[in-house]
PDB file of N, CA and C in Angstrom:
ATOM      1  N   UNK A   1      14.756  10.454  -9.434  1.00  0.00           N
ATOM      2  CA  UNK A   1      14.708   8.926 -10.114  1.00  0.00           C
ATOM      3  C   UNK A   1      13.662   9.021 -11.652  1.00  0.00           C
ATOM      4  N   UNK A   2      14.215   8.482 -12.413  1.00  0.00           N
ATOM      5  CA  UNK A   2      13.081   9.059 -13.703  1.00  0.00           C
ATOM      6  C   UNK A   2      11.944   7.973 -13.869  1.00  0.00           C
ATOM      7  N   UNK A   3      11.354   8.549 -14.763  1.00  0.00           N
ATOM      8  CA  UNK A   3       9.804   7.617 -14.567  1.00  0.00           C
ATOM      9  C   UNK A   3       9.803   6.468 -14.974  1.00  0.00           C
ATOM     10  N   UNK A   4      10.980   6.458 -16.063  1.00  0.00           N
ATOM     11  CA  UNK A   4      11.356   4.552 -16.404  1.00  0.00           C
ATOM     12  C   UNK A   4      11.966   4.194 -15.215  1.00  0.00           C
ATOM     13  N   UNK A   5      12.648   4.276 -14.668  1.00  0.00           N
ATOM     14  CA  UNK A   5      13.482   4.036 -13.153  1.00  0.00           C
ATOM     15  C   UNK A   5      12.777   3.490 -12.045  1.00  0.00           C
ATOM     16  N   UNK A   6      11.734   4.367 -12.158  1.00  0.00           N
ATOM     17  CA  UNK A   6      10.586   3.883 -11.110  1.00  0.00           C
ATOM     18  C   UNK A   6       9.655   2.834 -11.162  1.00  0.00           C
ATOM     19  N   UNK A   7       9.331   2.986 -12.442  1.00  0.00           N
ATOM     20  CA  UNK A   7       8.488   1.752 -13.095  1.00  0.00           C
ATOM     21  C   UNK A   7       9.325   0.521 -13.186  1.00  0.00           C
ATOM     22  N   UNK A   8      10.484   0.606 -13.222  1.00  0.00           N
ATOM     23  CA  UNK A   8      11.309  -0.653 -13.298  1.00  0.00           C
ATOM     24  C   UNK A   8      11.398  -1.216 -12.061  1.00  0.00           C
ATOM     25  N   UNK A   9      11.626  -0.072 -11.082  1.00  0.00           N
ATOM     26  CA  UNK A   9      12.096  -0.957  -9.354  1.00  0.00           C
ATOM     27  C   UNK A   9      10.589  -1.194  -8.832  1.00  0.00           C
ATOM     28  N   UNK A  10       9.312  -0.497  -9.738  1.00  0.00           N
ATOM     29  CA  UNK A  10       8.220  -1.256  -8.899  1.00  0.00           C
ATOM     30  C   UNK A  10       7.783  -2.382  -9.464  1.00  0.00           C
ATOM     31  N   UNK A  11       8.023  -2.756 -10.883  1.00  0.00           N
ATOM     32  CA  UNK A  11       8.012  -3.899 -11.550  1.00  0.00           C
ATOM     33  C   UNK A  11       8.838  -5.124 -10.826  1.00  0.00           C
ATOM     34  N   UNK A  12      10.133  -4.486 -10.870  1.00  0.00           N
ATOM     35  CA  UNK A  12      11.100  -5.495  -9.945  1.00  0.00           C
ATOM     36  C   UNK A  12      10.710  -5.774  -8.455  1.00  0.00           C
ATOM     37  N   UNK A  13      10.459  -5.338  -7.833  1.00  0.00           N
ATOM     38  CA  UNK A  13       9.511  -5.173  -6.523  1.00  0.00           C
ATOM     39  C   UNK A  13       8.225  -6.338  -6.547  1.00  0.00           C
ATOM     40  N   UNK A  14       7.362  -6.064  -7.699  1.00  0.00           N
ATOM     41  CA  UNK A  14       6.217  -7.173  -7.514  1.00  0.00           C
ATOM     42  C   UNK A  14       6.643  -8.389  -8.072  1.00  0.00           C
ATOM     43  N   UNK A  15       7.971  -8.311  -9.170  1.00  0.00           N
ATOM     44  CA  UNK A  15       8.335  -9.947  -9.376  1.00  0.00           C
ATOM     45  C   UNK A  15       8.660 -10.726  -8.009  1.00  0.00           C
ATOM     46  N   UNK A  16       9.539  -9.925  -7.415  1.00  0.00           N
ATOM     47  CA  UNK A  16       9.814 -10.537  -6.132  1.00  0.00           C
ATOM     48  C   UNK A  16       8.649 -11.002  -4.945  1.00  0.00           C
ATOM     49  N   UNK A  17       8.026  -9.909  -4.993  1.00  0.00           N
ATOM     50  CA  UNK A  17       6.741 -10.550  -4.155  1.00  0.00           C
ATOM     51  C   UNK A  17       6.084 -11.739  -4.462  1.00  0.00           C
ATOM     52  N   UNK A  18       5.763 -11.617  -5.972  1.00  0.00           N
ATOM     53  CA  UNK A  18       5.223 -12.957  -6.765  1.00  0.00           C
ATOM     54  C   UNK A  18       5.889 -14.112  -6.696  1.00  0.00           C
ATOM     55  N   UNK A  19       7.243 -13.891  -6.720  1.00  0.00           N
ATOM     56  CA  UNK A  19       8.406 -15.162  -6.471  1.00  0.00           C
ATOM     57  C   UNK A  19       7.908 -15.910  -4.771  1.00  0.00           C
ATOM     58  N   UNK A  20       7.659 -14.712  -3.807  1.00  0.00           N
ATOM     59  CA  UNK A  20       7.310 -14.904  -2.332  1.00  0.00           C
ATOM     60  C   UNK A  20       6.359 -15.772  -1.873  1.00  0.00           C
ATOM     61  N   UNK A  21       5.529 -15.301  -2.632  1.00  0.00           N
ATOM     62  CA  UNK A  21       4.196 -16.172  -2.924  1.00  0.00           C
ATOM     63  C   UNK A  21       4.089 -17.638  -2.863  1.00  0.00           C
ATOM     64  N   UNK A  22       5.090 -18.083  -3.710  1.00  0.00           N
ATOM     65  CA  UNK A  22       5.057 -19.037  -3.678  1.00  0.00           C
ATOM     66  C   UNK A  22       5.723 -20.049  -3.446  1.00  0.00           C
ATOM     67  N   UNK A  23       6.919 -19.443  -2.237  1.00  0.00           N
ATOM     68  CA  UNK A  23       7.769 -20.126  -1.693  1.00  0.00           C
ATOM     69  C   UNK A  23       7.315 -19.827   0.055  1.00  0.00           C
ATOM     70  N   UNK A  24       6.624 -19.101   0.241  1.00  0.00           N
ATOM     71  CA  UNK A  24       5.838 -18.772   1.689  1.00  0.00           C
ATOM     72  C   UNK A  24       5.048 -20.021   2.187  1.00  0.00           C
ATOM     73  N   UNK A  25       4.826 -20.009   3.552  1.00  0.00           N
ATOM     74  CA  UNK A  25       4.155 -21.054   3.941  1.00  0.00           C
ATOM     75  C   UNK A  25       2.556 -20.406   3.850  1.00  0.00           C
ATOM     76  N   UNK A  26       1.906 -21.278   3.770  1.00  0.00           N
ATOM     77  CA  UNK A  26       0.509 -20.536   4.029  1.00  0.00           C
ATOM     78  C   UNK A  26       0.298 -20.234   5.284  1.00  0.00           C
ATOM     79  N   UNK A  27      -0.752 -19.218   5.318  1.00  0.00           N
ATOM     80  CA  UNK A  27      -1.509 -19.147   6.616  1.00  0.00           C
ATOM     81  C   UNK A  27      -2.968 -19.063   6.500  1.00  0.00           C
ATOM     82  N   UNK A  28      -3.257 -19.255   7.651  1.00  0.00           N
ATOM     83  CA  UNK A  28      -4.913 -19.355   7.994  1.00  0.00           C
ATOM     84  C   UNK A  28      -5.784 -18.163   8.463  1.00  0.00           C
ATOM     85  N   UNK A  29      -6.730 -18.426   8.573  1.00  0.00           N
ATOM     86  CA  UNK A  29      -7.870 -17.171   9.179  1.00  0.00           C
ATOM     87  C   UNK A  29      -7.905 -16.071   8.264  1.00  0.00           C
ATOM     88  N   UNK A  30      -7.853 -15.244   9.343  1.00  0.00           N
ATOM     89  CA  UNK A  30      -7.731 -13.332   8.562  1.00  0.00           C
ATOM     90  C   UNK A  30      -6.524 -13.152   8.148  1.00  0.00           C
ATOM     91  N   UNK A  31      -5.353 -13.730   8.859  1.00  0.00           N
ATOM     92  CA  UNK A  31      -3.948 -13.425   8.369  1.00  0.00           C
ATOM     93  C   UNK A  31      -3.697 -13.604   7.185  1.00  0.00           C
ATOM     94  N   UNK A  32      -4.085 -15.096   6.789  1.00  0.00           N
ATOM     95  CA  UNK A  32      -3.919 -15.654   5.350  1.00  0.00           C
ATOM     96  C   UNK A  32      -4.973 -14.998   4.317  1.00  0.00           C
ATOM     97  N   UNK A  33      -6.182 -14.326   4.659  1.00  0.00           N
ATOM     98  CA  UNK A  33      -6.777 -13.546   4.057  1.00  0.00           C
ATOM     99  C   UNK A  33      -6.520 -11.902   3.840  1.00  0.00           C
ATOM    100  N   UNK A  34      -5.369 -11.782   4.847  1.00  0.00           N
ATOM    101  CA  UNK A  34      -5.512 -10.237   4.545  1.00  0.00           C
ATOM    102  C   UNK A  34      -4.035 -10.639   3.117  1.00  0.00           C
ATOM    103  N   UNK A  35      -3.126 -11.432   3.588  1.00  0.00           N
ATOM    104  CA  UNK A  35      -2.088 -11.820   3.026  1.00  0.00           C
ATOM    105  C   UNK A  35      -2.562 -12.063   1.285  1.00  0.00           C
ATOM    106  N   UNK A  36      -3.615 -12.880   1.038  1.00  0.00           N
ATOM    107  CA  UNK A  36      -3.659 -13.074  -0.049  1.00  0.00           C
ATOM    108  C   UNK A  36      -4.385 -11.942  -0.911  1.00  0.00           C
ATOM    109  N   UNK A  37      -5.082 -11.205  -0.136  1.00  0.00           N
ATOM    110  CA  UNK A  37      -5.828  -9.732  -0.840  1.00  0.00           C
ATOM    111  C   UNK A  37      -4.591  -8.626  -0.902  1.00  0.00           C
ATOM    112  N   UNK A  38      -3.820  -8.896   0.009  1.00  0.00           N
ATOM    113  CA  UNK A  38      -2.182  -8.479  -0.530  1.00  0.00           C
ATOM    114  C   UNK A  38      -1.624  -8.715  -1.704  1.00  0.00           C
ATOM    115  N   UNK A  39      -1.820  -9.695  -1.868  1.00  0.00           N
ATOM    116  CA  UNK A  39      -1.020 -10.524  -3.300  1.00  0.00           C
ATOM    117  C   UNK A  39      -1.627 -10.155  -4.233  1.00  0.00           C
ATOM    118  N   UNK A  40      -3.310 -10.304  -4.311  1.00  0.00           N
ATOM    119  CA  UNK A  40      -3.902 -10.226  -5.378  1.00  0.00           C
ATOM    120  C   UNK A  40      -3.993  -9.136  -5.744  1.00  0.00           C
ATOM    121  N   UNK A  41      -3.604  -8.073  -4.557  1.00  0.00           N
ATOM    122  CA  UNK A  41      -3.592  -6.328  -5.404  1.00  0.00           C
ATOM    123  C   UNK A  41      -2.330  -6.237  -5.950  1.00  0.00           C
ATOM    124  N   UNK A  42      -1.162  -6.746  -5.813  1.00  0.00           N
ATOM    125  CA  UNK A  42      -0.298  -6.584  -6.152  1.00  0.00           C
ATOM    126  C   UNK A  42      -0.190  -7.204  -7.436  1.00  0.00           C
ATOM    127  N   UNK A  43      -0.785  -8.341  -7.797  1.00  0.00           N
ATOM    128  CA  UNK A  43      -0.535  -8.897  -8.993  1.00  0.00           C
ATOM    129  C   UNK A  43      -1.524  -7.805 -10.302  1.00  0.00           C
ATOM    130  N   UNK A  44      -2.622  -7.301  -9.240  1.00  0.00           N
ATOM    131  CA  UNK A  44      -3.334  -6.122 -10.377  1.00  0.00           C
ATOM    132  C   UNK A  44      -2.257  -5.369 -10.546  1.00  0.00           C
ATOM    133  N   UNK A  45      -1.716  -4.332  -9.743  1.00  0.00           N
ATOM    134  CA  UNK A  45      -1.188  -3.547  -9.853  1.00  0.00           C
ATOM    135  C   UNK A  45      -0.063  -3.936 -11.526  1.00  0.00           C
ATOM    136  N   UNK A  46       0.476  -5.117 -11.178  1.00  0.00           N
ATOM    137  CA  UNK A  46       1.349  -5.661 -12.016  1.00  0.00           C
ATOM    138  C   UNK A  46       0.878  -5.573 -13.355  1.00  0.00           C
ATOM    139  N   UNK A  47      -0.314  -5.948 -13.420  1.00  0.00           N
ATOM    140  CA  UNK A  47      -1.252  -6.286 -14.838  1.00  0.00           C
ATOM    141  C   UNK A  47      -1.422  -4.755 -15.165  1.00  0.00           C
ATOM    142  N   UNK A  48      -1.397  -3.612 -14.759  1.00  0.00           N
ATOM    143  CA  UNK A  48      -2.051  -2.805 -14.742  1.00  0.00           C
ATOM    144  C   UNK A  48      -0.839  -1.978 -15.295  1.00  0.00           C
ATOM    145  N   UNK A  49       0.523  -1.906 -14.849  1.00  0.00           N
ATOM    146  CA  UNK A  49       2.079  -1.588 -15.245  1.00  0.00           C
ATOM    147  C   UNK A  49       2.053  -2.106 -16.749  1.00  0.00           C
ATOM    148  N   UNK A  50       1.903  -3.160 -16.735  1.00  0.00           N
ATOM    149  CA  UNK A  50       2.121  -4.183 -18.026  1.00  0.00           C
ATOM    150  C   UNK A  50       1.476  -3.327 -19.125  1.00  0.00           C
ATOM    151  N   UNK A  51       0.273  -3.466 -19.000  1.00  0.00           N
ATOM    152  CA  UNK A  51      -0.865  -2.441 -19.836  1.00  0.00           C
ATOM    153  C   UNK A  51       0.273  -0.901 -20.077  1.00  0.00           C
ATOM    154  N   UNK A  52       0.245  -0.260 -19.120  1.00  0.00           N
ATOM    155  CA  UNK A  52       0.558   1.263 -19.351  1.00  0.00           C
ATOM    156  C   UNK A  52       1.996   1.044 -19.747  1.00  0.00           C
ATOM    157  N   UNK A  53       2.757   0.260 -19.966  1.00  0.00           N
ATOM    158  CA  UNK A  53       4.254  -0.074 -20.245  1.00  0.00           C
ATOM    159  C   UNK A  53       3.579  -0.509 -22.133  1.00  0.00           C
ATOM    160  N   UNK A  54       2.872  -1.214 -22.274  1.00  0.00           N
ATOM    161  CA  UNK A  54       2.787  -1.291 -23.749  1.00  0.00           C
ATOM    162  C   UNK A  54       2.062   0.163 -23.860  1.00  0.00           C
ATOM    163  N   UNK A  55       1.025   0.656 -23.742  1.00  0.00           N
ATOM    164  CA  UNK A  55       0.494   2.178 -24.107  1.00  0.00           C
ATOM    165  C   UNK A  55       1.520   2.728 -24.689  1.00  0.00           C
ATOM    166  N   UNK A  56       2.290   3.139 -23.261  1.00  0.00           N
ATOM    167  CA  UNK A  56       3.734   3.692 -23.306  1.00  0.00           C
ATOM    168  C   UNK A  56       4.313   3.839 -24.604  1.00  0.00           C
ATOM    169  N   UNK A  57       4.647   2.597 -24.764  1.00  0.00           N
ATOM    170  CA  UNK A  57       5.385   2.149 -25.871  1.00  0.00           C
ATOM    171  C   UNK A  57       4.726   2.428 -27.206  1.00  0.00           C
ATOM    172  N   UNK A  58       3.639   2.126 -27.488  1.00  0.00           N
ATOM    173  CA  UNK A  58       2.773   2.158 -28.438  1.00  0.00           C
ATOM    174  C   UNK A  58       2.259   3.828 -28.840  1.00  0.00           C
ATOM    175  N   UNK A  59       2.655   4.575 -27.842  1.00  0.00           N
ATOM    176  CA  UNK A  59       2.313   5.874 -28.082  1.00  0.00           C
ATOM    177  C   UNK A  59       4.090   6.763 -28.489  1.00  0.00           C
ATOM    178  N   UNK A  60       5.074   5.780 -28.420  1.00  0.00           N
ATOM    179  CA  UNK A  60       6.316   6.855 -28.609  1.00  0.00           C
ATOM    180  C   UNK A  60       6.539   6.183 -29.516  1.00  0.00           C
ATOM    181  N   UNK A  61       6.116   5.183 -30.632  1.00  0.00           N
ATOM    182  CA  UNK A  61       6.143   4.599 -31.522  1.00  0.00           C
ATOM    183  C   UNK A  61       5.266   5.201 -32.537  1.00  0.00           C
ATOM    184  N   UNK A  62       4.285   5.906 -32.421  1.00  0.00           N
ATOM    185  CA  UNK A  62       3.163   6.777 -33.148  1.00  0.00           C
ATOM    186  C   UNK A  62       3.880   7.727 -33.599  1.00  0.00           C
ATOM    187  N   UNK A  63       4.537   8.388 -32.125  1.00  0.00           N
ATOM    188  CA  UNK A  63       4.646   9.642 -32.138  1.00  0.00           C
ATOM    189  C   UNK A  63       6.616   9.703 -32.941  1.00  0.00           C
ATOM    190  N   UNK A  64       6.997   8.820 -32.972  1.00  0.00           N
ATOM    191  CA  UNK A  64       8.182   8.903 -33.676  1.00  0.00           C
ATOM    192  C   UNK A  64       7.748   8.356 -35.074  1.00  0.00           C
ATOM    193  N   UNK A  65       7.379   7.754 -35.828  1.00  0.00           N
ATOM    194  CA  UNK A  65       6.643   7.339 -36.864  1.00  0.00           C
ATOM    195  C   UNK A  65       5.622   8.253 -37.380  1.00  0.00           C
ATOM    196  N   UNK A  66       5.032   8.628 -36.890  1.00  0.00           N
ATOM    197  CA  UNK A  66       3.991   9.647 -37.435  1.00  0.00           C
ATOM    198  C   UNK A  66       2.396   8.690 -37.755  1.00  0.00           C
ATOM    199  N   UNK A  67       2.649   7.757 -37.362  1.00  0.00           N
ATOM    200  CA  UNK A  67       1.274   6.915 -37.703  1.00  0.00           C
ATOM    201  C   UNK A  67       0.422   6.937 -36.580  1.00  0.00           C
TER     202      UNK A  67
END
C-alpha cells in the first residue's frame, strides 16, 4: 500500500468513526469517559493528518515550481 493510499484509508476510517459518534447512544461512567477520550484522540489524529496533507501538498508544489 502506498503512503497516499494508507493516508486515504486512515482518513476514511476516521471519517466513519466521527459519523458513528453522532449516531451512537451516549454512555455513562468510565465506559463513556473512555469512549469520549478515544473519539477525541481520533479527532486530534484527523486534524494532524489534515495539516500533514496540506504540508505535503505545499512541499510538492514548491518542488514542482521551484518556489
